[in-house]
Amino acid sequence: MASSKEYLTFVLDQLSGLDGIAARAMMGEYILYFRGRVVGGIYDDRLLVKPVPAALSLMQDAPRELPYPGAKEMLLVEDVDNGDFLRELFRAMYDELQPPRRK
């Protein structure tokens, strides 16, 4: 099942106020970037983020889910209605995310 454009718009609205948020469509889903670094994505209308230490600390009881078969587990963000939390989460994760590869 592909993710809806409406869910993407909702998540991006919750993240408004953060500079450098971008989304890229990929095979019916969306990869989310924060200042050029992959922070997670929207898969089957679920916001999943990378399980970096900052995310694990802020979401200690978050379920781990697969974005698609064969992928690495990610953390399910259940509190997508809380924009303040989402912005705090993305800021906390930034330094622990892999920088983009140089071409």
N, C-alpha and C. Protein backbone atom coordinates (compact mmCIF):
# COMPACT_ATOMS: atom_id res chain seq x y z
N MET A 1 0.84 -1.18 0.00
CA MET A 1 0.00 0.00 0.00
C MET A 1 0.89 1.24 0.00
N ALA A 2 0.61 2.16 -0.86
CA ALA A 2 1.39 3.39 -0.93
C ALA A 2 0.87 4.41 0.08
N SER A 3 1.73 5.32 0.43
CA SER A 3 1.36 6.39 1.36
C SER A 3 0.61 7.50 0.61
N SER A 4 -0.28 8.15 1.33
CA SER A 4 -1.07 9.20 0.69
C SER A 4 -0.34 10.55 0.76
N LYS A 5 -0.62 11.34 -0.25
CA LYS A 5 -0.08 12.70 -0.29
C LYS A 5 -0.62 13.51 0.89
N GLU A 6 -1.85 13.23 1.32
CA GLU A 6 -2.45 13.94 2.45
C GLU A 6 -1.69 13.68 3.74
N TYR A 7 -1.27 12.43 3.95
CA TYR A 7 -0.51 12.11 5.17
C TYR A 7 0.84 12.81 5.14
N LEU A 8 1.50 12.81 3.98
CA LEU A 8 2.77 13.53 3.83
C LEU A 8 2.58 15.00 4.17
N THR A 9 1.55 15.61 3.62
CA THR A 9 1.27 17.03 3.88
C THR A 9 1.04 17.27 5.36
N PHE A 10 0.30 16.38 6.02
CA PHE A 10 0.06 16.51 7.45
C PHE A 10 1.37 16.48 8.24
N VAL A 11 2.23 15.52 7.95
CA VAL A 11 3.51 15.40 8.67
C VAL A 11 4.37 16.63 8.40
N LEU A 12 4.44 17.07 7.16
CA LEU A 12 5.24 18.26 6.84
C LEU A 12 4.68 19.49 7.55
N ASP A 13 3.38 19.60 7.68
CA ASP A 13 2.77 20.71 8.43
C ASP A 13 3.19 20.65 9.90
N GLN A 14 3.23 19.45 10.46
CA GLN A 14 3.64 19.29 11.86
C GLN A 14 5.11 19.71 12.04
N LEU A 15 5.90 19.56 11.01
CA LEU A 15 7.33 19.91 11.08
C LEU A 15 7.60 21.35 10.65
N SER A 16 6.55 22.09 10.32
CA SER A 16 6.76 23.48 9.89
C SER A 16 7.45 24.25 11.00
N GLY A 17 8.33 25.10 10.61
CA GLY A 17 9.15 25.82 11.58
C GLY A 17 10.57 25.30 11.61
N LEU A 18 10.78 24.10 11.08
CA LEU A 18 12.14 23.57 10.95
C LEU A 18 12.64 23.91 9.56
N ASP A 19 13.80 24.55 9.47
CA ASP A 19 14.39 24.82 8.17
C ASP A 19 15.07 23.57 7.66
N GLY A 20 14.95 23.32 6.38
CA GLY A 20 15.67 22.22 5.77
C GLY A 20 14.92 20.90 5.74
N ILE A 21 13.60 20.93 5.89
CA ILE A 21 12.80 19.70 5.77
C ILE A 21 12.46 19.50 4.29
N ALA A 22 12.67 18.30 3.81
CA ALA A 22 12.33 17.97 2.42
C ALA A 22 11.85 16.53 2.36
N ALA A 23 11.07 16.24 1.33
CA ALA A 23 10.58 14.89 1.11
C ALA A 23 10.80 14.53 -0.35
N ARG A 24 11.12 13.27 -0.57
CA ARG A 24 11.31 12.79 -1.94
C ARG A 24 10.46 11.53 -2.11
N ALA A 25 9.63 11.53 -3.14
CA ALA A 25 8.81 10.36 -3.44
C ALA A 25 9.70 9.24 -3.95
N MET A 26 9.43 8.02 -3.45
CA MET A 26 10.19 6.88 -3.90
C MET A 26 9.30 5.64 -3.84
N MET A 27 8.90 5.16 -5.01
CA MET A 27 8.11 3.93 -5.14
C MET A 27 6.85 3.97 -4.28
N GLY A 28 6.13 5.08 -4.30
CA GLY A 28 4.87 5.19 -3.59
C GLY A 28 5.00 5.59 -2.13
N GLU A 29 6.20 5.75 -1.67
CA GLU A 29 6.46 6.16 -0.29
C GLU A 29 7.25 7.47 -0.34
N TYR A 30 7.64 7.99 0.84
CA TYR A 30 8.36 9.27 0.88
C TYR A 30 9.54 9.17 1.84
N ILE A 31 10.71 9.57 1.37
CA ILE A 31 11.90 9.67 2.21
C ILE A 31 11.92 11.09 2.76
N LEU A 32 12.18 11.24 4.07
CA LEU A 32 12.24 12.56 4.71
C LEU A 32 13.68 12.95 5.00
N TYR A 33 14.00 14.18 4.67
CA TYR A 33 15.34 14.73 4.88
C TYR A 33 15.25 15.92 5.82
N PHE A 34 16.28 16.05 6.65
CA PHE A 34 16.42 17.23 7.51
C PHE A 34 17.83 17.76 7.28
N ARG A 35 17.89 18.95 6.70
CA ARG A 35 19.16 19.58 6.34
C ARG A 35 20.05 18.63 5.53
N GLY A 36 19.44 17.94 4.59
CA GLY A 36 20.17 17.08 3.67
C GLY A 36 20.44 15.67 4.17
N ARG A 37 20.07 15.36 5.40
CA ARG A 37 20.33 14.03 5.96
C ARG A 37 19.01 13.25 6.05
N VAL A 38 19.09 11.97 5.72
CA VAL A 38 17.89 11.12 5.79
C VAL A 38 17.57 10.86 7.25
N VAL A 39 16.37 11.29 7.66
CA VAL A 39 15.92 11.11 9.04
C VAL A 39 14.95 9.94 9.17
N GLY A 40 14.29 9.62 8.08
CA GLY A 40 13.32 8.53 8.08
C GLY A 40 12.44 8.64 6.86
N GLY A 41 11.18 8.23 7.02
CA GLY A 41 10.29 8.30 5.89
C GLY A 41 8.86 7.99 6.28
N ILE A 42 8.02 8.09 5.28
CA ILE A 42 6.61 7.75 5.44
C ILE A 42 6.36 6.51 4.60
N TYR A 43 5.97 5.46 5.28
CA TYR A 43 5.74 4.16 4.66
C TYR A 43 4.36 3.67 5.08
N ASP A 44 3.50 3.40 4.12
CA ASP A 44 2.13 2.94 4.40
C ASP A 44 1.45 3.86 5.41
N ASP A 45 1.59 5.15 5.20
CA ASP A 45 1.00 6.18 6.08
C ASP A 45 1.43 6.02 7.53
N ARG A 46 2.70 5.65 7.73
CA ARG A 46 3.32 5.59 9.06
C ARG A 46 4.60 6.40 9.00
N LEU A 47 4.84 7.23 10.00
CA LEU A 47 6.10 7.97 10.10
C LEU A 47 7.09 7.09 10.84
N LEU A 48 8.17 6.70 10.14
CA LEU A 48 9.23 5.89 10.72
C LEU A 48 10.52 6.68 10.68
N VAL A 49 11.30 6.60 11.76
CA VAL A 49 12.59 7.29 11.82
C VAL A 49 13.69 6.29 12.12
N LYS A 50 14.91 6.69 11.79
CA LYS A 50 16.07 5.84 12.05
C LYS A 50 16.26 5.66 13.55
N PRO A 51 16.68 4.48 13.97
CA PRO A 51 16.85 4.21 15.41
C PRO A 51 18.21 4.68 15.94
N VAL A 52 18.50 5.95 15.79
CA VAL A 52 19.74 6.51 16.33
C VAL A 52 19.55 6.73 17.84
N PRO A 53 20.64 6.84 18.60
CA PRO A 53 20.52 6.97 20.06
C PRO A 53 19.57 8.07 20.54
N ALA A 54 19.57 9.22 19.89
CA ALA A 54 18.69 10.31 20.33
C ALA A 54 17.22 9.92 20.18
N ALA A 55 16.88 9.26 19.09
CA ALA A 55 15.50 8.82 18.88
C ALA A 55 15.12 7.74 19.89
N LEU A 56 16.04 6.83 20.15
CA LEU A 56 15.77 5.78 21.14
C LEU A 56 15.57 6.38 22.52
N SER A 57 16.31 7.43 22.83
CA SER A 57 16.18 8.08 24.13
C SER A 57 14.84 8.81 24.27
N LEU A 58 14.41 9.48 23.21
CA LEU A 58 13.16 10.24 23.26
C LEU A 58 11.91 9.36 23.10
N MET A 59 12.10 8.19 22.51
CA MET A 59 10.95 7.30 22.26
C MET A 59 11.29 5.89 22.77
N GLN A 60 11.49 5.78 24.06
CA GLN A 60 11.97 4.54 24.65
C GLN A 60 11.04 3.35 24.42
N ASP A 61 9.75 3.58 24.32
CA ASP A 61 8.79 2.49 24.15
C ASP A 61 8.26 2.38 22.72
N ALA A 62 8.91 3.06 21.80
CA ALA A 62 8.43 3.05 20.41
C ALA A 62 8.58 1.66 19.79
N PRO A 63 7.54 1.21 19.11
CA PRO A 63 7.66 -0.07 18.41
C PRO A 63 8.63 0.04 17.24
N ARG A 64 9.31 -1.05 16.98
CA ARG A 64 10.19 -1.13 15.80
C ARG A 64 9.42 -1.81 14.69
N GLU A 65 9.47 -1.20 13.52
CA GLU A 65 8.73 -1.75 12.39
C GLU A 65 9.58 -1.70 11.13
N LEU A 66 9.25 -2.56 10.20
CA LEU A 66 9.94 -2.58 8.91
C LEU A 66 9.22 -1.65 7.95
N PRO A 67 9.93 -0.77 7.29
CA PRO A 67 9.28 0.09 6.30
C PRO A 67 8.77 -0.72 5.11
N TYR A 68 9.51 -1.77 4.75
CA TYR A 68 9.14 -2.67 3.66
C TYR A 68 9.92 -3.96 3.86
N PRO A 69 9.48 -5.06 3.26
CA PRO A 69 10.17 -6.34 3.47
C PRO A 69 11.65 -6.26 3.09
N GLY A 70 12.49 -6.78 3.96
CA GLY A 70 13.93 -6.81 3.70
C GLY A 70 14.68 -5.58 4.18
N ALA A 71 13.98 -4.58 4.67
CA ALA A 71 14.63 -3.35 5.14
C ALA A 71 15.04 -3.50 6.61
N LYS A 72 15.85 -2.57 7.07
CA LYS A 72 16.22 -2.52 8.48
C LYS A 72 15.06 -1.94 9.29
N GLU A 73 14.96 -2.38 10.54
CA GLU A 73 13.91 -1.87 11.41
C GLU A 73 14.09 -0.38 11.68
N MET A 74 12.96 0.29 11.80
CA MET A 74 12.93 1.71 12.14
C MET A 74 11.97 1.90 13.30
N LEU A 75 11.98 3.09 13.87
CA LEU A 75 11.09 3.39 15.00
C LEU A 75 9.80 4.04 14.49
N LEU A 76 8.68 3.53 14.96
CA LEU A 76 7.39 4.10 14.60
C LEU A 76 7.12 5.31 15.50
N VAL A 77 6.86 6.45 14.89
CA VAL A 77 6.50 7.65 15.65
C VAL A 77 4.98 7.65 15.77
N GLU A 78 4.52 7.40 16.98
CA GLU A 78 3.08 7.31 17.21
C GLU A 78 2.45 8.67 17.51
N ASP A 79 3.25 9.62 17.99
CA ASP A 79 2.73 10.92 18.41
C ASP A 79 2.91 11.96 17.30
N VAL A 80 2.39 11.65 16.10
CA VAL A 80 2.56 12.57 14.96
C VAL A 80 1.71 13.83 15.09
N ASP A 81 0.75 13.81 16.00
CA ASP A 81 -0.08 15.00 16.21
C ASP A 81 0.63 16.09 17.01
N ASN A 82 1.76 15.75 17.60
CA ASN A 82 2.50 16.68 18.46
C ASN A 82 3.67 17.28 17.69
N GLY A 83 3.41 18.41 17.04
CA GLY A 83 4.44 19.06 16.24
C GLY A 83 5.66 19.46 17.04
N ASP A 84 5.46 19.92 18.28
CA ASP A 84 6.60 20.30 19.12
C ASP A 84 7.52 19.10 19.34
N PHE A 85 6.93 17.93 19.61
CA PHE A 85 7.73 16.73 19.82
C PHE A 85 8.47 16.34 18.54
N LEU A 86 7.79 16.39 17.40
CA LEU A 86 8.45 16.02 16.13
C LEU A 86 9.64 16.92 15.84
N ARG A 87 9.47 18.21 16.05
CA ARG A 87 10.58 19.14 15.79
C ARG A 87 11.74 18.87 16.75
N GLU A 88 11.43 18.61 18.02
CA GLU A 88 12.47 18.28 19.01
C GLU A 88 13.18 16.98 18.61
N LEU A 89 12.42 15.99 18.17
CA LEU A 89 12.99 14.71 17.75
C LEU A 89 13.95 14.90 16.58
N PHE A 90 13.53 15.60 15.56
CA PHE A 90 14.38 15.79 14.39
C PHE A 90 15.65 16.58 14.74
N ARG A 91 15.51 17.61 15.55
CA ARG A 91 16.70 18.38 15.97
C ARG A 91 17.67 17.50 16.75
N ALA A 92 17.15 16.68 17.67
CA ALA A 92 18.00 15.82 18.49
C ALA A 92 18.71 14.77 17.63
N MET A 93 18.06 14.29 16.60
CA MET A 93 18.62 13.23 15.77
C MET A 93 19.69 13.73 14.80
N TYR A 94 19.65 14.98 14.44
CA TYR A 94 20.45 15.51 13.33
C TYR A 94 21.93 15.14 13.41
N ASP A 95 22.59 15.38 14.52
CA ASP A 95 24.02 15.14 14.62
C ASP A 95 24.38 13.66 14.54
N GLU A 96 23.40 12.79 14.74
CA GLU A 96 23.66 11.36 14.71
C GLU A 96 23.32 10.71 13.36
N LEU A 97 22.82 11.51 12.45
CA LEU A 97 22.48 11.01 11.12
C LEU A 97 23.68 11.11 10.19
N GLN A 98 23.78 10.15 9.29
CA GLN A 98 24.89 10.13 8.35
C GLN A 98 24.77 11.29 7.36
N PRO A 99 25.87 12.04 7.18
CA PRO A 99 25.84 13.13 6.19
C PRO A 99 25.66 12.56 4.79
N PRO A 100 25.14 13.36 3.87
CA PRO A 100 24.99 12.87 2.49
C PRO A 100 26.34 12.51 1.89
N ARG A 101 26.32 11.52 1.02
CA ARG A 101 27.56 11.11 0.34
C ARG A 101 27.94 12.14 -0.71
N ARG A 102 29.22 12.35 -0.83
CA ARG A 102 29.73 13.26 -1.88
C ARG A 102 29.74 12.54 -3.21
N LYS A 103 29.34 13.24 -4.24
CA LYS A 103 29.32 12.62 -5.58
C LYS A 103 30.61 12.91 -6.30
